[in-house]
Amino acid sequence: MKNRCSIQYIFSLLVTTLFVCSCELNDNYSSEEIPKASSEKMLPIGGINLPSTVVNKETPYGRRAAHTSTVFENKMWMIAGIQNQFTFNDVWCSKDGKNWEEVNSKAAFEARYGHAMTVADNTMWITGGTQGNQFFKDVWRSKDGKEWVQTIENAPFSARRWHTLASIKNRMFLIGGLSPNFDVRGDVWTSSDGIQWNLVTNLAPFGRRYGHATVVYDDKIWVIGGYDNNGNYLNDVWYSNNGFQWNLATPSAQFSPRRNHAVTVNEKGMWLTAGIGPKHGYHNDIWFSQNGIAWEHVSVKKKYPERGYHTSLHFEDRLWIINGFSLENTAVYFQDIWGYQ
């Protein structure tokens, strides 16, 4: 479909798929081939192979998508999200990916999905997201996952979802996202305390986008892929040493353009997993990069099912892929967790 869907069509799609997360800008599909990587790019290392393990087929918190995850206090954390038309505000943690502890069944913040999360100053932070037609612009923090404190209810940035939040050099940076009325954002905001937020730029060099991924690696913030205001799926990679000045690492990485993918890091580099491409094509691939310019496809013995709206972490020497959603054949909310080592 090349034309944007009407509100009525979006509502119909929600009913038939039972997936509220899909209520967003519609794609301007293109018949062009995915851009191919330049032959001048040198791959970082050759022949990465990772054995796979289905760590958990059925998580105790059930099926989940559009949640957030992080590593904090030597544990993996899973916070909020959505299944069908039910949104959550629960908090779970695990030391091994198999056994999960419910830290808070109903946290102080309102239930939501599509929010953003980071760790800064020995504290977990979440901001934004949506529940139904309500978009949030609040900021919450917690040092234990049980007690959550709201630092600001109405931040100066617009309410949004599918944005990112990253922390570097004692500052948090909120980047892009999708605001009400299909307003795709390209702004960057910063805060050192979660209370006072200042506008870095209303339109960053990487432009307007949502469903992108942001990580901190090699003392830099990286913005990877996403979906822009012109209906384009992206596979560009940008970085910044300080969150203020941005540089283009590559306009077209080796992985295909996508949104709502996940990227995580370890000491070796950045790891990208899954996501959604043009015509709602869901991926189940893994890519690795040491420098953000050259990305290498990672071979695995057993692939996890295609998905987007998942999270990924690197914890205890494993690459983790946690839950997610797929509309490849039928609407599926995943409750599985995969580990690659």
C-alpha atoms as a PDB file:
ATOM      1  CA  MET A   1       0.000   0.000   0.000  1.00  0.00           C
ATOM      2  CA  LYS A   2       1.380   3.375  -0.896  1.00  0.00           C
ATOM      3  CA  ASN A   3      -1.302   5.578   0.529  1.00  0.00           C
ATOM      4  CA  ARG A   4      -1.519   6.316   4.206  1.00  0.00           C
ATOM      5  CA  CYS A   5      -4.275   4.431   5.969  1.00  0.00           C
ATOM      6  CA  SER A   6      -7.275   6.247   7.317  1.00  0.00           C
ATOM      7  CA  ILE A   7      -8.074   6.318  10.999  1.00  0.00           C
ATOM      8  CA  GLN A   8     -10.877   3.852  10.316  1.00  0.00           C
ATOM      9  CA  TYR A   9      -8.459   1.422   8.703  1.00  0.00           C
ATOM     10  CA  ILE A  10      -6.075   1.694  11.605  1.00  0.00           C
ATOM     11  CA  PHE A  11      -8.901   0.910  14.003  1.00  0.00           C
ATOM     12  CA  SER A  12      -9.891  -2.066  11.888  1.00  0.00           C
ATOM     13  CA  LEU A  13      -6.320  -3.300  11.846  1.00  0.00           C
ATOM     14  CA  LEU A  14      -6.183  -3.096  15.622  1.00  0.00           C
ATOM     15  CA  VAL A  15      -9.298  -5.204  15.939  1.00  0.00           C
ATOM     16  CA  THR A  16      -8.181  -7.873  13.509  1.00  0.00           C
ATOM     17  CA  THR A  17      -4.638  -8.166  14.801  1.00  0.00           C
ATOM     18  CA  LEU A  18      -5.362  -7.319  18.443  1.00  0.00           C
ATOM     19  CA  PHE A  19      -2.153  -5.377  18.450  1.00  0.00           C
ATOM     20  CA  VAL A  20      -2.340  -1.836  19.682  1.00  0.00           C
ATOM     21  CA  CYS A  21       1.368  -1.363  18.995  1.00  0.00           C
ATOM     22  CA  SER A  22       0.671  -1.280  15.272  1.00  0.00           C
ATOM     23  CA  CYS A  23      -1.233   2.010  15.514  1.00  0.00           C
ATOM     24  CA  GLU A  24       1.390   4.297  14.021  1.00  0.00           C
ATOM     25  CA  LEU A  25       2.505   5.879  10.766  1.00  0.00           C
ATOM     26  CA  ASN A  26       1.840   3.620   7.841  1.00  0.00           C
ATOM     27  CA  ASP A  27       4.584   2.645   5.459  1.00  0.00           C
ATOM     28  CA  ASN A  28       5.142   4.141   2.031  1.00  0.00           C
ATOM     29  CA  TYR A  29       6.232   0.897   0.462  1.00  0.00           C
ATOM     30  CA  SER A  30       8.804   0.872  -2.305  1.00  0.00           C
ATOM     31  CA  SER A  31       9.470  -1.741  -4.974  1.00  0.00           C
ATOM     32  CA  GLU A  32      13.152  -0.831  -4.998  1.00  0.00           C
ATOM     33  CA  GLU A  33      15.678  -3.338  -3.751  1.00  0.00           C
ATOM     34  CA  ILE A  34      17.302  -2.918  -0.369  1.00  0.00           C
ATOM     35  CA  PRO A  35      20.516  -0.905  -0.784  1.00  0.00           C
ATOM     36  CA  LYS A  36      23.563  -3.148  -0.930  1.00  0.00           C
ATOM     37  CA  ALA A  37      26.628  -2.587   1.195  1.00  0.00           C
ATOM     38  CA  SER A  38      29.612  -0.946  -0.410  1.00  0.00           C
ATOM     39  CA  SER A  39      32.418  -3.327  -1.358  1.00  0.00           C
ATOM     40  CA  GLU A  40      34.837  -0.828   0.131  1.00  0.00           C
ATOM     41  CA  LYS A  41      33.600  -1.573   3.651  1.00  0.00           C
ATOM     42  CA  MET A  42      35.839  -3.939   5.577  1.00  0.00           C
ATOM     43  CA  LEU A  43      34.097  -6.378   7.873  1.00  0.00           C
ATOM     44  CA  PRO A  44      35.390  -6.308  11.452  1.00  0.00           C
ATOM     45  CA  ILE A  45      36.074 -10.013  11.934  1.00  0.00           C
ATOM     46  CA  GLY A  46      35.289 -13.113   9.943  1.00  0.00           C
ATOM     47  CA  GLY A  47      32.930 -15.976  10.602  1.00  0.00           C
ATOM     48  CA  ILE A  48      31.073 -15.287  13.841  1.00  0.00           C
ATOM     49  CA  ASN A  49      29.151 -18.376  14.940  1.00  0.00           C
ATOM     50  CA  LEU A  50      26.956 -18.500  18.044  1.00  0.00           C
ATOM     51  CA  PRO A  51      25.331 -21.640  19.464  1.00  0.00           C
ATOM     52  CA  SER A  52      21.718 -21.012  20.424  1.00  0.00           C
ATOM     53  CA  THR A  53      19.696 -21.990  23.464  1.00  0.00           C
ATOM     54  CA  VAL A  54      16.010 -21.574  24.162  1.00  0.00           C
ATOM     55  CA  VAL A  55      16.442 -20.475  27.747  1.00  0.00           C
ATOM     56  CA  ASN A  56      12.778 -20.024  28.518  1.00  0.00           C
ATOM     57  CA  LYS A  57       9.843 -21.129  26.376  1.00  0.00           C
ATOM     58  CA  GLU A  58       7.238 -19.624  28.684  1.00  0.00           C
ATOM     59  CA  THR A  59       8.167 -16.725  30.915  1.00  0.00           C
ATOM     60  CA  PRO A  60       6.161 -16.417  34.155  1.00  0.00           C
ATOM     61  CA  TYR A  61       5.042 -12.914  33.187  1.00  0.00           C
ATOM     62  CA  GLY A  62       3.501 -14.252  29.985  1.00  0.00           C
ATOM     63  CA  ARG A  63       3.624 -12.929  26.460  1.00  0.00           C
ATOM     64  CA  ARG A  64       4.999  -9.428  26.026  1.00  0.00           C
ATOM     65  CA  ALA A  65       6.048  -6.815  23.459  1.00  0.00           C
ATOM     66  CA  ALA A  66       7.119  -3.161  23.368  1.00  0.00           C
ATOM     67  CA  HIS A  67       8.556  -3.505  26.881  1.00  0.00           C
ATOM     68  CA  THR A  68      11.958  -2.254  28.043  1.00  0.00           C
ATOM     69  CA  SER A  69      14.901  -4.210  29.436  1.00  0.00           C
ATOM     70  CA  THR A  70      18.213  -3.360  31.037  1.00  0.00           C
ATOM     71  CA  VAL A  71      21.019  -4.822  33.124  1.00  0.00           C
ATOM     72  CA  PHE A  72      21.094  -3.379  36.628  1.00  0.00           C
ATOM     73  CA  GLU A  73      22.545  -4.643  39.916  1.00  0.00           C
ATOM     74  CA  ASN A  74      23.789  -7.839  38.212  1.00  0.00           C
ATOM     75  CA  LYS A  75      20.320  -8.761  37.011  1.00  0.00           C
ATOM     76  CA  MET A  76      18.264  -8.521  33.841  1.00  0.00           C
ATOM     77  CA  TRP A  77      15.126  -6.417  34.149  1.00  0.00           C
ATOM     78  CA  MET A  78      11.875  -6.427  32.162  1.00  0.00           C
ATOM     79  CA  ILE A  79       9.504  -3.480  32.616  1.00  0.00           C
ATOM     80  CA  ALA A  80       5.923  -2.890  31.395  1.00  0.00           C
ATOM     81  CA  GLY A  81       4.820  -3.516  27.778  1.00  0.00           C
ATOM     82  CA  ILE A  82       1.719  -4.837  26.050  1.00  0.00           C
ATOM     83  CA  GLN A  83      -0.085  -8.042  25.138  1.00  0.00           C
ATOM     84  CA  ASN A  84      -3.079  -7.740  22.825  1.00  0.00           C
ATOM     85  CA  GLN A  85      -4.938  -4.703  24.183  1.00  0.00           C
ATOM     86  CA  PHE A  86      -3.714  -5.016  27.764  1.00  0.00           C
ATOM     87  CA  THR A  87      -0.855  -2.800  28.925  1.00  0.00           C
ATOM     88  CA  PHE A  88       1.313  -3.496  31.955  1.00  0.00           C
ATOM     89  CA  ASN A  89       3.186  -1.592  34.643  1.00  0.00           C
ATOM     90  CA  ASP A  90       4.861  -4.577  36.266  1.00  0.00           C
ATOM     91  CA  VAL A  91       8.567  -5.064  36.978  1.00  0.00           C
ATOM     92  CA  TRP A  92      10.456  -8.371  36.785  1.00  0.00           C
ATOM     93  CA  CYS A  93      14.110  -9.355  37.190  1.00  0.00           C
ATOM     94  CA  SER A  94      16.255 -12.441  36.598  1.00  0.00           C
ATOM     95  CA  LYS A  95      19.812 -13.632  37.181  1.00  0.00           C
ATOM     96  CA  ASP A  96      19.703 -16.425  34.595  1.00  0.00           C
ATOM     97  CA  GLY A  97      16.885 -15.714  32.118  1.00  0.00           C
ATOM     98  CA  LYS A  98      14.986 -18.789  33.254  1.00  0.00           C
ATOM     99  CA  ASN A  99      13.857 -17.884  36.744  1.00  0.00           C
ATOM    100  CA  TRP A 100      12.094 -14.512  36.980  1.00  0.00           C
ATOM    101  CA  GLU A 101      11.103 -12.662  40.136  1.00  0.00           C
ATOM    102  CA  GLU A 102       8.161 -10.278  40.182  1.00  0.00           C
ATOM    103  CA  VAL A 103       9.540  -7.204  41.939  1.00  0.00           C
ATOM    104  CA  ASN A 104       6.401  -5.104  41.558  1.00  0.00           C
ATOM    105  CA  SER A 105       3.088  -6.263  40.078  1.00  0.00           C
ATOM    106  CA  LYS A 106       1.799  -2.705  39.768  1.00  0.00           C
ATOM    107  CA  ALA A 107       4.416   0.025  39.853  1.00  0.00           C
ATOM    108  CA  ALA A 108       3.625   3.668  40.613  1.00  0.00           C
ATOM    109  CA  PHE A 109       3.840   4.708  36.961  1.00  0.00           C
ATOM    110  CA  GLU A 110       0.847   4.157  34.687  1.00  0.00           C
ATOM    111  CA  ALA A 111       0.778   1.063  32.496  1.00  0.00           C
ATOM    112  CA  ARG A 112       2.465   1.705  29.140  1.00  0.00           C
ATOM    113  CA  TYR A 113       4.342   0.406  26.135  1.00  0.00           C
ATOM    114  CA  GLY A 114       6.751   1.997  23.666  1.00  0.00           C
ATOM    115  CA  HIS A 115       8.534   3.816  26.497  1.00  0.00           C
ATOM    116  CA  ALA A 116      12.305   4.288  26.796  1.00  0.00           C
ATOM    117  CA  MET A 117      14.749   3.254  29.502  1.00  0.00           C
ATOM    118  CA  THR A 118      18.328   3.784  30.642  1.00  0.00           C
ATOM    119  CA  VAL A 119      20.548   3.399  33.709  1.00  0.00           C
ATOM    120  CA  ALA A 120      22.250   6.489  35.121  1.00  0.00           C
ATOM    121  CA  ASP A 121      23.667   7.356  38.537  1.00  0.00           C
ATOM    122  CA  ASN A 122      23.013   3.814  39.845  1.00  0.00           C
ATOM    123  CA  THR A 123      19.329   4.302  39.025  1.00  0.00           C
ATOM    124  CA  MET A 124      16.883   2.918  36.471  1.00  0.00           C
ATOM    125  CA  TRP A 125      14.988   5.583  34.512  1.00  0.00           C
ATOM    126  CA  ILE A 126      11.944   5.337  32.229  1.00  0.00           C
ATOM    127  CA  THR A 127      10.147   8.007  30.258  1.00  0.00           C
ATOM    128  CA  GLY A 128       7.275   8.388  27.817  1.00  0.00           C
ATOM    129  CA  GLY A 129       5.336   5.629  26.128  1.00  0.00           C
ATOM    130  CA  THR A 130       1.638   5.225  25.533  1.00  0.00           C
ATOM    131  CA  GLN A 131      -1.499   3.526  26.798  1.00  0.00           C
ATOM    132  CA  GLY A 132      -4.332   3.446  24.311  1.00  0.00           C
ATOM    133  CA  ASN A 133      -4.613   6.980  22.928  1.00  0.00           C
ATOM    134  CA  GLN A 134      -2.741   8.544  25.837  1.00  0.00           C
ATOM    135  CA  PHE A 135       0.881   9.512  25.240  1.00  0.00           C
ATOM    136  CA  PHE A 136       3.139  10.183  28.231  1.00  0.00           C
ATOM    137  CA  LYS A 137       5.816  12.813  28.846  1.00  0.00           C
ATOM    138  CA  ASP A 138       6.673  11.877  32.414  1.00  0.00           C
ATOM    139  CA  VAL A 139       9.966  10.653  33.909  1.00  0.00           C
ATOM    140  CA  TRP A 140      10.350   8.018  36.634  1.00  0.00           C
ATOM    141  CA  ARG A 141      13.329   6.597  38.523  1.00  0.00           C
ATOM    142  CA  SER A 142      14.015   3.620  40.790  1.00  0.00           C
ATOM    143  CA  LYS A 143      17.022   2.236  42.645  1.00  0.00           C
ATOM    144  CA  ASP A 144      15.491  -1.165  43.363  1.00  0.00           C
ATOM    145  CA  GLY A 145      12.726  -1.755  40.802  1.00  0.00           C
ATOM    146  CA  LYS A 146      10.074  -1.795  43.530  1.00  0.00           C
ATOM    147  CA  GLU A 147       9.811   1.837  44.559  1.00  0.00           C
ATOM    148  CA  TRP A 148       9.381   4.293  41.667  1.00  0.00           C
ATOM    149  CA  VAL A 149       9.570   8.065  42.075  1.00  0.00           C
ATOM    150  CA  GLN A 150       8.249  10.517  39.505  1.00  0.00           C
ATOM    151  CA  THR A 151      10.811  13.248  38.875  1.00  0.00           C
ATOM    152  CA  ILE A 152       8.581  15.230  36.511  1.00  0.00           C
ATOM    153  CA  GLU A 153       5.006  14.729  35.324  1.00  0.00           C
ATOM    154  CA  ASN A 154       4.999  17.091  32.341  1.00  0.00           C
ATOM    155  CA  ALA A 155       8.457  17.370  30.860  1.00  0.00           C
ATOM    156  CA  PRO A 156       9.133  20.156  28.326  1.00  0.00           C
ATOM    157  CA  PHE A 157       9.540  17.645  25.503  1.00  0.00           C
ATOM    158  CA  SER A 158       6.419  16.458  23.692  1.00  0.00           C
ATOM    159  CA  ALA A 159       4.713  13.242  24.743  1.00  0.00           C
ATOM    160  CA  ARG A 160       5.941  10.337  22.630  1.00  0.00           C
ATOM    161  CA  ARG A 161       6.643   6.643  22.120  1.00  0.00           C
ATOM    162  CA  TRP A 162       9.254   4.619  20.176  1.00  0.00           C
ATOM    163  CA  HIS A 163      11.924   7.135  21.261  1.00  0.00           C
ATOM    164  CA  THR A 164      15.206   6.228  22.967  1.00  0.00           C
ATOM    165  CA  LEU A 165      16.978   7.235  26.168  1.00  0.00           C
ATOM    166  CA  ALA A 166      20.719   6.912  26.737  1.00  0.00           C
ATOM    167  CA  SER A 167      23.196   8.041  29.375  1.00  0.00           C
ATOM    168  CA  ILE A 168      26.737   9.276  28.783  1.00  0.00           C
ATOM    169  CA  LYS A 169      29.096  11.525  30.764  1.00  0.00           C
ATOM    170  CA  ASN A 170      26.610  12.056  33.604  1.00  0.00           C
ATOM    171  CA  ARG A 171      23.853  13.173  31.231  1.00  0.00           C
ATOM    172  CA  MET A 172      20.742  11.463  29.900  1.00  0.00           C
ATOM    173  CA  PHE A 173      19.738  12.071  26.289  1.00  0.00           C
ATOM    174  CA  LEU A 174      16.217  11.569  24.936  1.00  0.00           C
ATOM    175  CA  ILE A 175      16.182  11.083  21.162  1.00  0.00           C
ATOM    176  CA  GLY A 176      13.414  11.206  18.548  1.00  0.00           C
ATOM    177  CA  GLY A 177      10.182   9.242  18.722  1.00  0.00           C
ATOM    178  CA  LEU A 178       6.580   9.442  17.591  1.00  0.00           C
ATOM    179  CA  SER A 179       4.253  12.056  19.112  1.00  0.00           C
ATOM    180  CA  PRO A 180       0.454  12.302  18.712  1.00  0.00           C
ATOM    181  CA  ASN A 181      -0.972  13.060  15.263  1.00  0.00           C
ATOM    182  CA  PHE A 182       1.835  11.053  13.665  1.00  0.00           C
ATOM    183  CA  ASP A 183       4.399  13.732  14.502  1.00  0.00           C
ATOM    184  CA  VAL A 184       7.785  12.082  13.925  1.00  0.00           C
ATOM    185  CA  ARG A 185      10.380  13.810  16.097  1.00  0.00           C
ATOM    186  CA  GLY A 186      14.012  14.615  15.367  1.00  0.00           C
ATOM    187  CA  ASP A 187      14.786  16.468  18.570  1.00  0.00           C
ATOM    188  CA  VAL A 188      17.326  15.706  21.297  1.00  0.00           C
ATOM    189  CA  TRP A 189      16.850  16.615  24.968  1.00  0.00           C
ATOM    190  CA  THR A 190      19.266  16.258  27.853  1.00  0.00           C
ATOM    191  CA  SER A 191      19.108  16.137  31.649  1.00  0.00           C
ATOM    192  CA  SER A 192      21.537  15.441  34.467  1.00  0.00           C
ATOM    193  CA  ASP A 193      18.884  14.890  37.151  1.00  0.00           C
ATOM    194  CA  GLY A 194      15.681  13.811  35.391  1.00  0.00           C
ATOM    195  CA  ILE A 195      13.955  16.992  36.546  1.00  0.00           C
ATOM    196  CA  GLN A 196      15.401  19.763  34.421  1.00  0.00           C
ATOM    197  CA  TRP A 197      15.390  18.953  30.697  1.00  0.00           C
ATOM    198  CA  ASN A 198      17.060  21.165  28.100  1.00  0.00           C
ATOM    199  CA  LEU A 199      16.667  21.127  24.334  1.00  0.00           C
ATOM    200  CA  VAL A 200      19.916  20.230  22.548  1.00  0.00           C
ATOM    201  CA  THR A 201      18.418  20.588  19.073  1.00  0.00           C
ATOM    202  CA  ASN A 202      14.951  20.595  17.579  1.00  0.00           C
ATOM    203  CA  LEU A 203      16.216  18.716  14.534  1.00  0.00           C
ATOM    204  CA  ALA A 204      19.389  16.633  14.790  1.00  0.00           C
ATOM    205  CA  PRO A 205      21.551  15.886  11.713  1.00  0.00           C
ATOM    206  CA  PHE A 206      20.144  12.347  11.591  1.00  0.00           C
ATOM    207  CA  GLY A 207      16.660  13.765  11.031  1.00  0.00           C
ATOM    208  CA  ARG A 208      13.232  12.719  12.233  1.00  0.00           C
ATOM    209  CA  ARG A 209      12.771   9.058  13.175  1.00  0.00           C
ATOM    210  CA  TYR A 210      11.156   6.588  15.526  1.00  0.00           C
ATOM    211  CA  GLY A 211      11.596   2.878  16.196  1.00  0.00           C
ATOM    212  CA  HIS A 212      15.369   3.388  16.086  1.00  0.00           C
ATOM    213  CA  ALA A 213      17.884   1.899  18.516  1.00  0.00           C
ATOM    214  CA  THR A 214      20.317   3.801  20.711  1.00  0.00           C
ATOM    215  CA  VAL A 215      23.241   2.406  22.713  1.00  0.00           C
ATOM    216  CA  VAL A 216      26.404   3.674  24.344  1.00  0.00           C
ATOM    217  CA  TYR A 217      29.570   1.988  23.096  1.00  0.00           C
ATOM    218  CA  ASP A 218      33.201   3.067  22.853  1.00  0.00           C
ATOM    219  CA  ASP A 219      32.338   6.215  24.854  1.00  0.00           C
ATOM    220  CA  LYS A 220      29.874   7.289  22.153  1.00  0.00           C
ATOM    221  CA  ILE A 221      26.095   7.405  21.732  1.00  0.00           C
ATOM    222  CA  TRP A 222      24.925   5.527  18.643  1.00  0.00           C
ATOM    223  CA  VAL A 223      21.637   6.003  16.762  1.00  0.00           C
ATOM    224  CA  ILE A 224      20.868   3.085  14.458  1.00  0.00           C
ATOM    225  CA  GLY A 225      18.107   2.635  11.889  1.00  0.00           C
ATOM    226  CA  GLY A 226      14.430   3.389  12.405  1.00  0.00           C
ATOM    227  CA  TYR A 227      11.580   4.854  10.367  1.00  0.00           C
ATOM    228  CA  ASP A 228      11.516   8.476   9.214  1.00  0.00           C
ATOM    229  CA  ASN A 229       8.821  11.077   8.563  1.00  0.00           C
ATOM    230  CA  ASN A 230       8.833  10.328   4.828  1.00  0.00           C
ATOM    231  CA  GLY A 231       7.935   6.668   5.288  1.00  0.00           C
ATOM    232  CA  ASN A 232      11.455   5.357   4.764  1.00  0.00           C
ATOM    233  CA  TYR A 233      12.940   2.436   6.636  1.00  0.00           C
ATOM    234  CA  LEU A 234      16.518   3.266   7.623  1.00  0.00           C
ATOM    235  CA  ASN A 235      19.806   1.411   8.038  1.00  0.00           C
ATOM    236  CA  ASP A 236      22.058   4.380   8.662  1.00  0.00           C
ATOM    237  CA  VAL A 237      24.305   4.665  11.721  1.00  0.00           C
ATOM    238  CA  TRP A 238      25.160   7.898  13.568  1.00  0.00           C
ATOM    239  CA  TYR A 239      27.334   8.573  16.619  1.00  0.00           C
ATOM    240  CA  SER A 240      28.215  11.345  19.049  1.00  0.00           C
ATOM    241  CA  ASN A 241      30.949  11.741  21.630  1.00  0.00           C
ATOM    242  CA  ASN A 242      28.870  14.065  23.766  1.00  0.00           C
ATOM    243  CA  GLY A 243      25.232  14.009  22.588  1.00  0.00           C
ATOM    244  CA  PHE A 244      25.543  17.466  21.040  1.00  0.00           C
ATOM    245  CA  GLN A 245      27.623  16.998  17.871  1.00  0.00           C
ATOM    246  CA  TRP A 246      26.620  14.081  15.606  1.00  0.00           C
ATOM    247  CA  ASN A 247      28.569  12.276  12.893  1.00  0.00           C
ATOM    248  CA  LEU A 248      27.487   9.831  10.195  1.00  0.00           C
ATOM    249  CA  ALA A 249      29.248   6.465  10.470  1.00  0.00           C
ATOM    250  CA  THR A 250      27.503   4.985   7.421  1.00  0.00           C
ATOM    251  CA  PRO A 251      24.409   5.935   5.389  1.00  0.00           C
ATOM    252  CA  SER A 252      23.727   2.281   4.509  1.00  0.00           C
ATOM    253  CA  ALA A 253      24.908  -0.504   6.775  1.00  0.00           C
ATOM    254  CA  GLN A 254      25.082  -4.151   5.657  1.00  0.00           C
ATOM    255  CA  PHE A 255      21.870  -5.059   7.513  1.00  0.00           C
ATOM    256  CA  SER A 256      18.622  -4.266   5.711  1.00  0.00           C
ATOM    257  CA  PRO A 257      16.602  -1.140   6.661  1.00  0.00           C
ATOM    258  CA  ARG A 258      14.343  -1.683   9.659  1.00  0.00           C
ATOM    259  CA  ARG A 259      12.549  -0.292  12.696  1.00  0.00           C
ATOM    260  CA  ASN A 260      11.721  -1.545  16.194  1.00  0.00           C
ATOM    261  CA  HIS A 261      14.817  -3.704  16.228  1.00  0.00           C
ATOM    262  CA  ALA A 262      17.134  -3.998  19.233  1.00  0.00           C
ATOM    263  CA  VAL A 263      20.828  -3.272  19.728  1.00  0.00           C
ATOM    264  CA  THR A 264      22.947  -4.187  22.729  1.00  0.00           C
ATOM    265  CA  VAL A 265      26.674  -4.004  23.472  1.00  0.00           C
ATOM    266  CA  ASN A 266      29.520  -5.799  25.183  1.00  0.00           C
ATOM    267  CA  GLU A 267      33.249  -5.132  25.277  1.00  0.00           C
ATOM    268  CA  LYS A 268      33.646  -6.556  21.762  1.00  0.00           C
ATOM    269  CA  GLY A 269      31.116  -4.372  19.954  1.00  0.00           C
ATOM    270  CA  MET A 270      27.471  -3.763  19.086  1.00  0.00           C
ATOM    271  CA  TRP A 271      24.939  -6.523  18.394  1.00  0.00           C
ATOM    272  CA  LEU A 272      21.762  -5.868  16.385  1.00  0.00           C
ATOM    273  CA  THR A 273      18.817  -8.262  16.389  1.00  0.00           C
ATOM    274  CA  ALA A 274      15.564  -8.644  14.420  1.00  0.00           C
ATOM    275  CA  GLY A 275      13.174  -5.767  13.692  1.00  0.00           C
ATOM    276  CA  ILE A 276      10.603  -4.878  11.048  1.00  0.00           C
ATOM    277  CA  GLY A 277      11.340  -4.000   7.441  1.00  0.00           C
ATOM    278  CA  PRO A 278       9.288  -2.748   4.455  1.00  0.00           C
ATOM    279  CA  LYS A 279       5.905  -4.388   3.877  1.00  0.00           C
ATOM    280  CA  HIS A 280       5.944  -5.506   7.508  1.00  0.00           C
ATOM    281  CA  GLY A 281       8.701  -8.039   6.923  1.00  0.00           C
ATOM    282  CA  TYR A 282       9.881  -9.343  10.275  1.00  0.00           C
ATOM    283  CA  HIS A 283      13.521 -10.376  10.756  1.00  0.00           C
ATOM    284  CA  ASN A 284      15.303 -12.994  12.883  1.00  0.00           C
ATOM    285  CA  ASP A 285      18.903 -12.121  12.059  1.00  0.00           C
ATOM    286  CA  ILE A 286      21.886 -11.024  14.181  1.00  0.00           C
ATOM    287  CA  TRP A 287      24.526  -8.490  13.125  1.00  0.00           C
ATOM    288  CA  PHE A 288      27.770  -7.393  14.795  1.00  0.00           C
ATOM    289  CA  SER A 289      29.973  -4.312  14.481  1.00  0.00           C
ATOM    290  CA  GLN A 290      33.102  -3.055  16.199  1.00  0.00           C
ATOM    291  CA  ASN A 291      33.014   0.415  14.682  1.00  0.00           C
ATOM    292  CA  GLY A 292      29.466   1.143  13.493  1.00  0.00           C
ATOM    293  CA  ILE A 293      30.634   1.275   9.875  1.00  0.00           C
ATOM    294  CA  ALA A 294      31.121  -2.385   8.982  1.00  0.00           C
ATOM    295  CA  TRP A 295      28.482  -4.873  10.121  1.00  0.00           C
ATOM    296  CA  GLU A 296      28.880  -8.643   9.874  1.00  0.00           C
ATOM    297  CA  HIS A 297      26.080 -11.181   9.755  1.00  0.00           C
ATOM    298  CA  VAL A 298      26.271 -13.643  12.643  1.00  0.00           C
ATOM    299  CA  SER A 299      25.620 -17.326  11.914  1.00  0.00           C
ATOM    300  CA  VAL A 300      23.619 -19.379  14.388  1.00  0.00           C
ATOM    301  CA  LYS A 301      22.744 -23.077  14.493  1.00  0.00           C
ATOM    302  CA  LYS A 302      19.112 -22.408  15.292  1.00  0.00           C
ATOM    303  CA  LYS A 303      17.326 -19.164  14.555  1.00  0.00           C
ATOM    304  CA  TYR A 304      14.759 -17.620  16.817  1.00  0.00           C
ATOM    305  CA  PRO A 305      11.359 -16.829  15.196  1.00  0.00           C
ATOM    306  CA  GLU A 306      11.029 -13.513  13.332  1.00  0.00           C
ATOM    307  CA  ARG A 307       9.985 -10.596  15.511  1.00  0.00           C
ATOM    308  CA  GLY A 308      10.086  -6.902  16.373  1.00  0.00           C
ATOM    309  CA  TYR A 309       9.195  -4.872  19.473  1.00  0.00           C
ATOM    310  CA  HIS A 310      11.514  -7.145  21.471  1.00  0.00           C
ATOM    311  CA  THR A 311      14.507  -6.270  23.650  1.00  0.00           C
ATOM    312  CA  SER A 312      18.054  -7.594  23.696  1.00  0.00           C
ATOM    313  CA  LEU A 313      20.740  -7.527  26.358  1.00  0.00           C
ATOM    314  CA  HIS A 314      24.285  -8.771  26.812  1.00  0.00           C
ATOM    315  CA  PHE A 315      24.523 -10.404  30.229  1.00  0.00           C
ATOM    316  CA  GLU A 316      26.690 -13.168  31.709  1.00  0.00           C
ATOM    317  CA  ASP A 317      28.543 -13.631  28.410  1.00  0.00           C
ATOM    318  CA  ARG A 318      25.328 -14.216  26.492  1.00  0.00           C
ATOM    319  CA  LEU A 319      23.365 -12.288  23.919  1.00  0.00           C
ATOM    320  CA  TRP A 320      19.739 -12.372  25.066  1.00  0.00           C
ATOM    321  CA  ILE A 321      16.624 -11.881  22.933  1.00  0.00           C
ATOM    322  CA  ILE A 322      13.570 -11.247  25.077  1.00  0.00           C
ATOM    323  CA  ASN A 323       9.959 -11.649  23.915  1.00  0.00           C
ATOM    324  CA  GLY A 324       8.516  -9.445  21.133  1.00  0.00           C
ATOM    325  CA  PHE A 325       5.776  -9.514  18.507  1.00  0.00           C
ATOM    326  CA  SER A 326       5.296 -10.773  14.947  1.00  0.00           C
ATOM    327  CA  LEU A 327       2.674 -10.335  12.272  1.00  0.00           C
ATOM    328  CA  GLU A 328       4.543 -12.482   9.745  1.00  0.00           C
ATOM    329  CA  ASN A 329       1.724 -14.990   9.408  1.00  0.00           C
ATOM    330  CA  THR A 330      -0.609 -14.374  12.327  1.00  0.00           C
ATOM    331  CA  ALA A 331      -0.391 -11.953  15.241  1.00  0.00           C
ATOM    332  CA  VAL A 332       1.887 -13.525  17.851  1.00  0.00           C
ATOM    333  CA  TYR A 333       3.116 -12.137  21.152  1.00  0.00           C
ATOM    334  CA  PHE A 334       6.183 -14.097  22.185  1.00  0.00           C
ATOM    335  CA  GLN A 335       6.882 -15.342  25.700  1.00  0.00           C
ATOM    336  CA  ASP A 336      10.194 -17.008  24.865  1.00  0.00           C
ATOM    337  CA  ILE A 337      13.723 -15.958  25.752  1.00  0.00           C
ATOM    338  CA  TRP A 338      16.743 -16.947  23.648  1.00  0.00           C
ATOM    339  CA  GLY A 339      20.390 -16.927  24.662  1.00  0.00           C
ATOM    340  CA  TYR A 340      23.391 -16.976  22.320  1.00  0.00           C
ATOM    341  CA  GLN A 341      26.910 -17.543  23.598  1.00  0.00           C
END
